[in-house]
């Protein structure tokens, strides 16, 4: 027997996430920071069979995610994202409650790295407050490539603020030469078990010359000093990125799906 909880307890959420710490890194991150808005399916023994974050990003995980459809719709999400099977279960019951997605991206490989790659020998460093003016355009370019939306046209002040917060939280890194960002990346989620990277980006003028590989190698080396795993996901048609992740030794350990609205 299972039942739907309106609000699971934090210890239930953390125990559930510990079962799949890479796939559930986002859920654990927002729970630890007190930012999560959750509904869950509880087993008779008090453990969770399924969990769903309901916010700007709806993120389901576990077995039985179809029950989360109404809660997901109330969140007015910009994206539904997670394990491909869990998202599929939720979407089957929620599709009539949502507008048509602008994009549906099944089959996204989830890549994981546990062992430090070779040094990239870059000048990679954590971003600081003074980097904001040049980091905002780089982050916006990465966002546009990834989601097909120009955040500086849609809501420039909010995007600038989010970029600033990432810097302040120590979740943004860059490699700069002569005032020009050659490579940058951010952490979208960070727990004691894993760091999830997002918007790994290299300047268009240096692509195909090894800069992204070298920058990512040094970033992974930095993160793996204190965290057991670095992970990220990628669109299956992004051959350049897939070659990059394969080249530094990342391995596929799951498949995600995202619906963008």
C-alpha atoms as a PDB file:
ATOM      1  CA  UNK A   1       0.000   0.000   0.000  1.00  0.00           C
ATOM      2  CA  UNK A   2       1.184   3.525  -0.787  1.00  0.00           C
ATOM      3  CA  UNK A   3      -0.227   6.986  -0.241  1.00  0.00           C
ATOM      4  CA  UNK A   4       0.559  10.443  -1.543  1.00  0.00           C
ATOM      5  CA  UNK A   5       2.119  12.842   0.928  1.00  0.00           C
ATOM      6  CA  UNK A   6       1.544  16.564   0.625  1.00  0.00           C
ATOM      7  CA  UNK A   7       4.934  17.338   2.186  1.00  0.00           C
ATOM      8  CA  UNK A   8       7.481  14.571   2.882  1.00  0.00           C
ATOM      9  CA  UNK A   9       9.851  15.012   5.796  1.00  0.00           C
ATOM     10  CA  UNK A  10      13.425  16.062   5.055  1.00  0.00           C
ATOM     11  CA  UNK A  11      14.796  12.786   6.386  1.00  0.00           C
ATOM     12  CA  UNK A  12      12.521  10.873   3.990  1.00  0.00           C
ATOM     13  CA  UNK A  13      13.740  12.976   1.057  1.00  0.00           C
ATOM     14  CA  UNK A  14      17.419  12.508   1.912  1.00  0.00           C
ATOM     15  CA  UNK A  15      17.005   8.768   2.393  1.00  0.00           C
ATOM     16  CA  UNK A  16      15.241   8.485  -0.967  1.00  0.00           C
ATOM     17  CA  UNK A  17      17.941  10.505  -2.729  1.00  0.00           C
ATOM     18  CA  UNK A  18      20.704   8.393  -1.179  1.00  0.00           C
ATOM     19  CA  UNK A  19      19.373   5.392  -3.139  1.00  0.00           C
ATOM     20  CA  UNK A  20      20.315   7.098  -6.463  1.00  0.00           C
ATOM     21  CA  UNK A  21      22.589  10.026  -5.526  1.00  0.00           C
ATOM     22  CA  UNK A  22      23.543  10.964  -9.084  1.00  0.00           C
ATOM     23  CA  UNK A  23      20.128  10.773 -10.739  1.00  0.00           C
ATOM     24  CA  UNK A  24      18.545  12.559  -7.723  1.00  0.00           C
ATOM     25  CA  UNK A  25      21.270  15.157  -7.157  1.00  0.00           C
ATOM     26  CA  UNK A  26      18.957  18.094  -7.921  1.00  0.00           C
ATOM     27  CA  UNK A  27      16.287  16.845  -5.523  1.00  0.00           C
ATOM     28  CA  UNK A  28      18.812  16.426  -2.719  1.00  0.00           C
ATOM     29  CA  UNK A  29      20.401  19.800  -3.409  1.00  0.00           C
ATOM     30  CA  UNK A  30      17.181  21.808  -3.141  1.00  0.00           C
ATOM     31  CA  UNK A  31      16.111  19.788  -0.100  1.00  0.00           C
ATOM     32  CA  UNK A  32      19.359  20.493   1.759  1.00  0.00           C
ATOM     33  CA  UNK A  33      19.120  24.192   0.942  1.00  0.00           C
ATOM     34  CA  UNK A  34      15.511  24.397   2.080  1.00  0.00           C
ATOM     35  CA  UNK A  35      14.327  25.368  -1.411  1.00  0.00           C
ATOM     36  CA  UNK A  36      12.399  22.246  -2.336  1.00  0.00           C
ATOM     37  CA  UNK A  37       8.644  22.036  -2.830  1.00  0.00           C
ATOM     38  CA  UNK A  38       7.891  18.338  -2.771  1.00  0.00           C
ATOM     39  CA  UNK A  39       5.104  15.818  -3.065  1.00  0.00           C
ATOM     40  CA  UNK A  40       5.830  12.142  -2.562  1.00  0.00           C
ATOM     41  CA  UNK A  41       4.473   8.611  -2.589  1.00  0.00           C
ATOM     42  CA  UNK A  42       5.079   6.879   0.739  1.00  0.00           C
ATOM     43  CA  UNK A  43       5.295   3.133   1.306  1.00  0.00           C
ATOM     44  CA  UNK A  44       3.761   1.443   4.327  1.00  0.00           C
ATOM     45  CA  UNK A  45       7.156   1.363   6.065  1.00  0.00           C
ATOM     46  CA  UNK A  46       7.555   5.146   5.763  1.00  0.00           C
ATOM     47  CA  UNK A  47      10.101   5.094   2.939  1.00  0.00           C
ATOM     48  CA  UNK A  48       9.403   6.939  -0.301  1.00  0.00           C
ATOM     49  CA  UNK A  49       8.576   5.128  -3.523  1.00  0.00           C
ATOM     50  CA  UNK A  50       8.533   8.344  -5.577  1.00  0.00           C
ATOM     51  CA  UNK A  51       9.277  12.022  -5.132  1.00  0.00           C
ATOM     52  CA  UNK A  52       8.556  15.109  -7.229  1.00  0.00           C
ATOM     53  CA  UNK A  53       9.818  18.663  -6.949  1.00  0.00           C
ATOM     54  CA  UNK A  54       7.155  21.140  -8.074  1.00  0.00           C
ATOM     55  CA  UNK A  55       8.558  24.521  -9.035  1.00  0.00           C
ATOM     56  CA  UNK A  56       9.863  26.266 -12.132  1.00  0.00           C
ATOM     57  CA  UNK A  57      11.446  22.883 -12.808  1.00  0.00           C
ATOM     58  CA  UNK A  58       9.236  19.865 -12.150  1.00  0.00           C
ATOM     59  CA  UNK A  59      11.527  16.934 -11.360  1.00  0.00           C
ATOM     60  CA  UNK A  60       9.980  13.483 -10.709  1.00  0.00           C
ATOM     61  CA  UNK A  61      11.862  10.375  -9.617  1.00  0.00           C
ATOM     62  CA  UNK A  62      10.988   6.862  -8.504  1.00  0.00           C
ATOM     63  CA  UNK A  63       8.124   4.494  -9.258  1.00  0.00           C
ATOM     64  CA  UNK A  64       4.528   5.657  -9.616  1.00  0.00           C
ATOM     65  CA  UNK A  65       5.146   9.232 -10.780  1.00  0.00           C
ATOM     66  CA  UNK A  66       1.856   9.345 -12.694  1.00  0.00           C
ATOM     67  CA  UNK A  67       0.120  10.545  -9.516  1.00  0.00           C
ATOM     68  CA  UNK A  68       2.089  13.794  -9.588  1.00  0.00           C
ATOM     69  CA  UNK A  69       0.361  15.159 -12.703  1.00  0.00           C
ATOM     70  CA  UNK A  70      -2.070  17.598 -11.016  1.00  0.00           C
ATOM     71  CA  UNK A  71       0.590  18.951  -8.631  1.00  0.00           C
ATOM     72  CA  UNK A  72       2.999  19.410 -11.524  1.00  0.00           C
ATOM     73  CA  UNK A  73       0.399  21.347 -13.505  1.00  0.00           C
ATOM     74  CA  UNK A  74      -0.286  23.703 -10.599  1.00  0.00           C
ATOM     75  CA  UNK A  75       3.420  24.605 -10.502  1.00  0.00           C
ATOM     76  CA  UNK A  76       3.235  26.322 -13.930  1.00  0.00           C
ATOM     77  CA  UNK A  77       6.634  24.855 -14.718  1.00  0.00           C
ATOM     78  CA  UNK A  78       8.963  26.004 -17.444  1.00  0.00           C
ATOM     79  CA  UNK A  79      10.438  22.515 -17.660  1.00  0.00           C
ATOM     80  CA  UNK A  80       9.749  18.913 -16.639  1.00  0.00           C
ATOM     81  CA  UNK A  81      13.020  17.068 -16.236  1.00  0.00           C
ATOM     82  CA  UNK A  82      14.260  13.797 -14.822  1.00  0.00           C
ATOM     83  CA  UNK A  83      14.707  10.089 -15.341  1.00  0.00           C
ATOM     84  CA  UNK A  84      13.131   9.234 -18.679  1.00  0.00           C
ATOM     85  CA  UNK A  85      10.754   6.632 -17.274  1.00  0.00           C
ATOM     86  CA  UNK A  86       9.610   8.878 -14.395  1.00  0.00           C
ATOM     87  CA  UNK A  87       8.984  11.833 -16.709  1.00  0.00           C
ATOM     88  CA  UNK A  88       7.085   9.575 -19.093  1.00  0.00           C
ATOM     89  CA  UNK A  89       4.829   8.315 -16.305  1.00  0.00           C
ATOM     90  CA  UNK A  90       4.063  11.850 -15.135  1.00  0.00           C
ATOM     91  CA  UNK A  91       3.502  13.207 -18.628  1.00  0.00           C
ATOM     92  CA  UNK A  92       0.967  10.530 -19.533  1.00  0.00           C
ATOM     93  CA  UNK A  93      -1.370  11.870 -16.858  1.00  0.00           C
ATOM     94  CA  UNK A  94      -0.405  15.559 -17.054  1.00  0.00           C
ATOM     95  CA  UNK A  95      -0.282  16.303 -20.800  1.00  0.00           C
ATOM     96  CA  UNK A  96      -3.877  17.547 -20.910  1.00  0.00           C
ATOM     97  CA  UNK A  97      -3.154  19.898 -17.998  1.00  0.00           C
ATOM     98  CA  UNK A  98      -0.168  21.596 -19.683  1.00  0.00           C
ATOM     99  CA  UNK A  99       0.260  23.656 -22.818  1.00  0.00           C
ATOM    100  CA  UNK A 100       1.946  21.866 -25.686  1.00  0.00           C
ATOM    101  CA  UNK A 101       5.690  21.663 -24.961  1.00  0.00           C
ATOM    102  CA  UNK A 102       7.952  23.824 -27.067  1.00  0.00           C
ATOM    103  CA  UNK A 103      10.450  20.976 -27.074  1.00  0.00           C
ATOM    104  CA  UNK A 104      10.423  17.319 -25.990  1.00  0.00           C
ATOM    105  CA  UNK A 105      13.885  15.823 -25.473  1.00  0.00           C
ATOM    106  CA  UNK A 106      13.882  12.087 -24.703  1.00  0.00           C
ATOM    107  CA  UNK A 107      16.985   9.932 -24.643  1.00  0.00           C
ATOM    108  CA  UNK A 108      19.365  12.414 -23.002  1.00  0.00           C
ATOM    109  CA  UNK A 109      22.441  10.537 -21.712  1.00  0.00           C
ATOM    110  CA  UNK A 110      23.357  11.142 -18.087  1.00  0.00           C
ATOM    111  CA  UNK A 111      27.154  11.189 -17.880  1.00  0.00           C
ATOM    112  CA  UNK A 112      29.141  10.536 -14.702  1.00  0.00           C
ATOM    113  CA  UNK A 113      32.822  10.784 -13.818  1.00  0.00           C
ATOM    114  CA  UNK A 114      34.341   9.299 -10.663  1.00  0.00           C
ATOM    115  CA  UNK A 115      38.062   9.349 -11.441  1.00  0.00           C
ATOM    116  CA  UNK A 116      40.037  12.524 -12.076  1.00  0.00           C
ATOM    117  CA  UNK A 117      41.059  12.969 -15.731  1.00  0.00           C
ATOM    118  CA  UNK A 118      44.478  14.129 -16.899  1.00  0.00           C
ATOM    119  CA  UNK A 119      45.335  17.777 -16.136  1.00  0.00           C
ATOM    120  CA  UNK A 120      44.146  20.266 -18.735  1.00  0.00           C
ATOM    121  CA  UNK A 121      46.817  22.766 -17.715  1.00  0.00           C
ATOM    122  CA  UNK A 122      44.513  25.769 -17.945  1.00  0.00           C
ATOM    123  CA  UNK A 123      44.006  28.861 -15.832  1.00  0.00           C
ATOM    124  CA  UNK A 124      40.597  27.684 -14.691  1.00  0.00           C
ATOM    125  CA  UNK A 125      39.379  29.457 -11.550  1.00  0.00           C
ATOM    126  CA  UNK A 126      36.243  30.192  -9.597  1.00  0.00           C
ATOM    127  CA  UNK A 127      34.356  33.215 -10.897  1.00  0.00           C
ATOM    128  CA  UNK A 128      34.403  36.339  -8.721  1.00  0.00           C
ATOM    129  CA  UNK A 129      32.131  39.372  -8.519  1.00  0.00           C
ATOM    130  CA  UNK A 130      34.250  41.369 -10.949  1.00  0.00           C
ATOM    131  CA  UNK A 131      33.662  38.749 -13.649  1.00  0.00           C
ATOM    132  CA  UNK A 132      29.932  39.441 -13.812  1.00  0.00           C
ATOM    133  CA  UNK A 133      29.923  41.904 -16.763  1.00  0.00           C
ATOM    134  CA  UNK A 134      31.711  39.454 -19.063  1.00  0.00           C
ATOM    135  CA  UNK A 135      30.186  36.297 -17.584  1.00  0.00           C
ATOM    136  CA  UNK A 136      26.571  37.341 -18.188  1.00  0.00           C
ATOM    137  CA  UNK A 137      26.950  37.402 -22.016  1.00  0.00           C
ATOM    138  CA  UNK A 138      28.780  34.049 -21.970  1.00  0.00           C
ATOM    139  CA  UNK A 139      26.086  32.456 -19.801  1.00  0.00           C
ATOM    140  CA  UNK A 140      23.370  33.933 -22.002  1.00  0.00           C
ATOM    141  CA  UNK A 141      25.036  32.507 -25.115  1.00  0.00           C
ATOM    142  CA  UNK A 142      25.184  29.071 -23.482  1.00  0.00           C
ATOM    143  CA  UNK A 143      21.532  29.328 -22.417  1.00  0.00           C
ATOM    144  CA  UNK A 144      20.466  30.285 -25.926  1.00  0.00           C
ATOM    145  CA  UNK A 145      22.349  27.334 -27.429  1.00  0.00           C
ATOM    146  CA  UNK A 146      20.912  24.899 -24.897  1.00  0.00           C
ATOM    147  CA  UNK A 147      17.278  26.008 -24.720  1.00  0.00           C
ATOM    148  CA  UNK A 148      16.764  28.162 -27.792  1.00  0.00           C
ATOM    149  CA  UNK A 149      15.748  31.138 -25.635  1.00  0.00           C
ATOM    150  CA  UNK A 150      17.639  34.431 -25.301  1.00  0.00           C
ATOM    151  CA  UNK A 151      17.416  35.172 -21.560  1.00  0.00           C
ATOM    152  CA  UNK A 152      18.653  38.728 -22.072  1.00  0.00           C
ATOM    153  CA  UNK A 153      15.678  39.429 -24.312  1.00  0.00           C
ATOM    154  CA  UNK A 154      13.138  37.686 -22.060  1.00  0.00           C
ATOM    155  CA  UNK A 155      14.180  38.864 -18.585  1.00  0.00           C
ATOM    156  CA  UNK A 156      17.661  40.430 -18.443  1.00  0.00           C
ATOM    157  CA  UNK A 157      17.543  41.571 -14.808  1.00  0.00           C
ATOM    158  CA  UNK A 158      16.519  38.161 -13.481  1.00  0.00           C
ATOM    159  CA  UNK A 159      19.178  36.443 -15.575  1.00  0.00           C
ATOM    160  CA  UNK A 160      21.857  38.834 -14.380  1.00  0.00           C
ATOM    161  CA  UNK A 161      20.749  38.239 -10.789  1.00  0.00           C
ATOM    162  CA  UNK A 162      20.852  34.437 -11.192  1.00  0.00           C
ATOM    163  CA  UNK A 163      24.343  34.656 -12.691  1.00  0.00           C
ATOM    164  CA  UNK A 164      25.456  36.802  -9.766  1.00  0.00           C
ATOM    165  CA  UNK A 165      24.017  34.326  -7.249  1.00  0.00           C
ATOM    166  CA  UNK A 166      25.891  31.465  -8.913  1.00  0.00           C
ATOM    167  CA  UNK A 167      29.121  33.408  -8.473  1.00  0.00           C
ATOM    168  CA  UNK A 168      28.348  34.246  -4.838  1.00  0.00           C
ATOM    169  CA  UNK A 169      27.550  30.600  -4.060  1.00  0.00           C
ATOM    170  CA  UNK A 170      30.834  29.374  -5.573  1.00  0.00           C
ATOM    171  CA  UNK A 171      29.038  27.524  -8.367  1.00  0.00           C
ATOM    172  CA  UNK A 172      30.617  29.226 -11.360  1.00  0.00           C
ATOM    173  CA  UNK A 173      34.039  28.665 -12.960  1.00  0.00           C
ATOM    174  CA  UNK A 174      35.825  30.127 -15.937  1.00  0.00           C
ATOM    175  CA  UNK A 175      39.041  30.133 -17.895  1.00  0.00           C
ATOM    176  CA  UNK A 176      39.959  33.612 -19.041  1.00  0.00           C
ATOM    177  CA  UNK A 177      42.796  34.878 -21.219  1.00  0.00           C
ATOM    178  CA  UNK A 178      43.374  38.584 -21.867  1.00  0.00           C
ATOM    179  CA  UNK A 179      39.905  39.503 -20.645  1.00  0.00           C
ATOM    180  CA  UNK A 180      38.155  36.926 -22.816  1.00  0.00           C
ATOM    181  CA  UNK A 181      36.293  33.901 -21.438  1.00  0.00           C
ATOM    182  CA  UNK A 182      37.457  30.824 -23.311  1.00  0.00           C
ATOM    183  CA  UNK A 183      35.564  28.260 -21.202  1.00  0.00           C
ATOM    184  CA  UNK A 184      32.982  28.379 -18.434  1.00  0.00           C
ATOM    185  CA  UNK A 185      30.577  26.102 -16.572  1.00  0.00           C
ATOM    186  CA  UNK A 186      28.253  26.209 -13.565  1.00  0.00           C
ATOM    187  CA  UNK A 187      26.986  23.742 -10.989  1.00  0.00           C
ATOM    188  CA  UNK A 188      23.219  23.322 -11.148  1.00  0.00           C
ATOM    189  CA  UNK A 189      23.209  21.001  -8.124  1.00  0.00           C
ATOM    190  CA  UNK A 190      25.777  20.099  -5.466  1.00  0.00           C
ATOM    191  CA  UNK A 191      25.524  17.533  -2.677  1.00  0.00           C
ATOM    192  CA  UNK A 192      28.019  15.545  -0.602  1.00  0.00           C
ATOM    193  CA  UNK A 193      27.671  12.759  -3.198  1.00  0.00           C
ATOM    194  CA  UNK A 194      27.755  14.546  -6.552  1.00  0.00           C
ATOM    195  CA  UNK A 195      28.083  17.812  -8.457  1.00  0.00           C
ATOM    196  CA  UNK A 196      25.887  18.309 -11.514  1.00  0.00           C
ATOM    197  CA  UNK A 197      27.283  20.674 -14.134  1.00  0.00           C
ATOM    198  CA  UNK A 198      25.254  22.737 -16.565  1.00  0.00           C
ATOM    199  CA  UNK A 199      25.917  24.918 -19.605  1.00  0.00           C
ATOM    200  CA  UNK A 200      29.464  23.755 -20.228  1.00  0.00           C
ATOM    201  CA  UNK A 201      30.514  26.301 -22.849  1.00  0.00           C
ATOM    202  CA  UNK A 202      33.522  27.367 -24.912  1.00  0.00           C
ATOM    203  CA  UNK A 203      33.870  30.532 -26.952  1.00  0.00           C
ATOM    204  CA  UNK A 204      32.815  29.838 -30.534  1.00  0.00           C
ATOM    205  CA  UNK A 205      36.163  31.059 -31.892  1.00  0.00           C
ATOM    206  CA  UNK A 206      38.143  28.386 -30.016  1.00  0.00           C
ATOM    207  CA  UNK A 207      35.867  25.400 -30.550  1.00  0.00           C
ATOM    208  CA  UNK A 208      37.453  22.339 -32.066  1.00  0.00           C
ATOM    209  CA  UNK A 209      40.850  23.285 -30.618  1.00  0.00           C
ATOM    210  CA  UNK A 210      40.719  21.403 -27.315  1.00  0.00           C
ATOM    211  CA  UNK A 211      39.831  24.303 -25.045  1.00  0.00           C
ATOM    212  CA  UNK A 212      36.561  22.788 -23.829  1.00  0.00           C
ATOM    213  CA  UNK A 213      38.231  19.452 -23.136  1.00  0.00           C
ATOM    214  CA  UNK A 214      41.092  21.035 -21.202  1.00  0.00           C
ATOM    215  CA  UNK A 215      38.787  23.317 -19.239  1.00  0.00           C
ATOM    216  CA  UNK A 216      36.431  20.489 -18.327  1.00  0.00           C
ATOM    217  CA  UNK A 217      39.324  18.241 -17.321  1.00  0.00           C
ATOM    218  CA  UNK A 218      40.603  20.834 -14.862  1.00  0.00           C
ATOM    219  CA  UNK A 219      37.125  21.573 -13.538  1.00  0.00           C
ATOM    220  CA  UNK A 220      36.424  17.883 -12.915  1.00  0.00           C
ATOM    221  CA  UNK A 221      39.805  17.473 -11.223  1.00  0.00           C
ATOM    222  CA  UNK A 222      38.981  20.413  -8.952  1.00  0.00           C
ATOM    223  CA  UNK A 223      35.533  19.104  -8.013  1.00  0.00           C
ATOM    224  CA  UNK A 224      36.579  15.477  -7.532  1.00  0.00           C
ATOM    225  CA  UNK A 225      38.985  16.489  -4.783  1.00  0.00           C
ATOM    226  CA  UNK A 226      36.004  16.831  -2.436  1.00  0.00           C
ATOM    227  CA  UNK A 227      33.051  15.156  -4.186  1.00  0.00           C
ATOM    228  CA  UNK A 228      32.802  11.507  -5.337  1.00  0.00           C
ATOM    229  CA  UNK A 229      31.120  12.187  -8.684  1.00  0.00           C
ATOM    230  CA  UNK A 230      30.703  14.850 -11.357  1.00  0.00           C
ATOM    231  CA  UNK A 231      27.691  14.444 -13.614  1.00  0.00           C
ATOM    232  CA  UNK A 232      25.818  16.194 -16.399  1.00  0.00           C
ATOM    233  CA  UNK A 233      23.327  15.392 -19.132  1.00  0.00           C
ATOM    234  CA  UNK A 234      23.309  16.250 -22.807  1.00  0.00           C
ATOM    235  CA  UNK A 235      20.985  16.226 -25.804  1.00  0.00           C
ATOM    236  CA  UNK A 236      21.519  12.985 -27.753  1.00  0.00           C
ATOM    237  CA  UNK A 237      22.064  14.871 -31.019  1.00  0.00           C
ATOM    238  CA  UNK A 238      24.864  17.032 -29.568  1.00  0.00           C
ATOM    239  CA  UNK A 239      27.679  14.994 -31.086  1.00  0.00           C
ATOM    240  CA  UNK A 240      30.399  17.533 -30.240  1.00  0.00           C
ATOM    241  CA  UNK A 241      29.533  17.502 -26.537  1.00  0.00           C
ATOM    242  CA  UNK A 242      29.194  13.723 -26.445  1.00  0.00           C
ATOM    243  CA  UNK A 243      32.656  13.329 -27.976  1.00  0.00           C
ATOM    244  CA  UNK A 244      34.009  15.715 -25.344  1.00  0.00           C
ATOM    245  CA  UNK A 245      32.498  13.804 -22.412  1.00  0.00           C
ATOM    246  CA  UNK A 246      33.634  10.476 -23.813  1.00  0.00           C
ATOM    247  CA  UNK A 247      37.142  11.874 -24.327  1.00  0.00           C
ATOM    248  CA  UNK A 248      37.670  12.794 -20.676  1.00  0.00           C
ATOM    249  CA  UNK A 249      36.443   9.417 -19.442  1.00  0.00           C
ATOM    250  CA  UNK A 250      32.837  10.120 -18.446  1.00  0.00           C
ATOM    251  CA  UNK A 251      30.457   7.161 -18.551  1.00  0.00           C
ATOM    252  CA  UNK A 252      26.747   6.942 -19.295  1.00  0.00           C
ATOM    253  CA  UNK A 253      24.783   5.898 -16.205  1.00  0.00           C
ATOM    254  CA  UNK A 254      21.219   6.804 -17.065  1.00  0.00           C
ATOM    255  CA  UNK A 255      18.830   8.392 -19.535  1.00  0.00           C
ATOM    256  CA  UNK A 256      16.853  11.582 -18.903  1.00  0.00           C
ATOM    257  CA  UNK A 257      13.979  13.326 -20.629  1.00  0.00           C
ATOM    258  CA  UNK A 258      13.045  16.979 -20.561  1.00  0.00           C
ATOM    259  CA  UNK A 259       9.959  18.850 -21.721  1.00  0.00           C
ATOM    260  CA  UNK A 260      10.464  22.575 -22.264  1.00  0.00           C
ATOM    261  CA  UNK A 261       7.503  24.993 -22.206  1.00  0.00           C
END
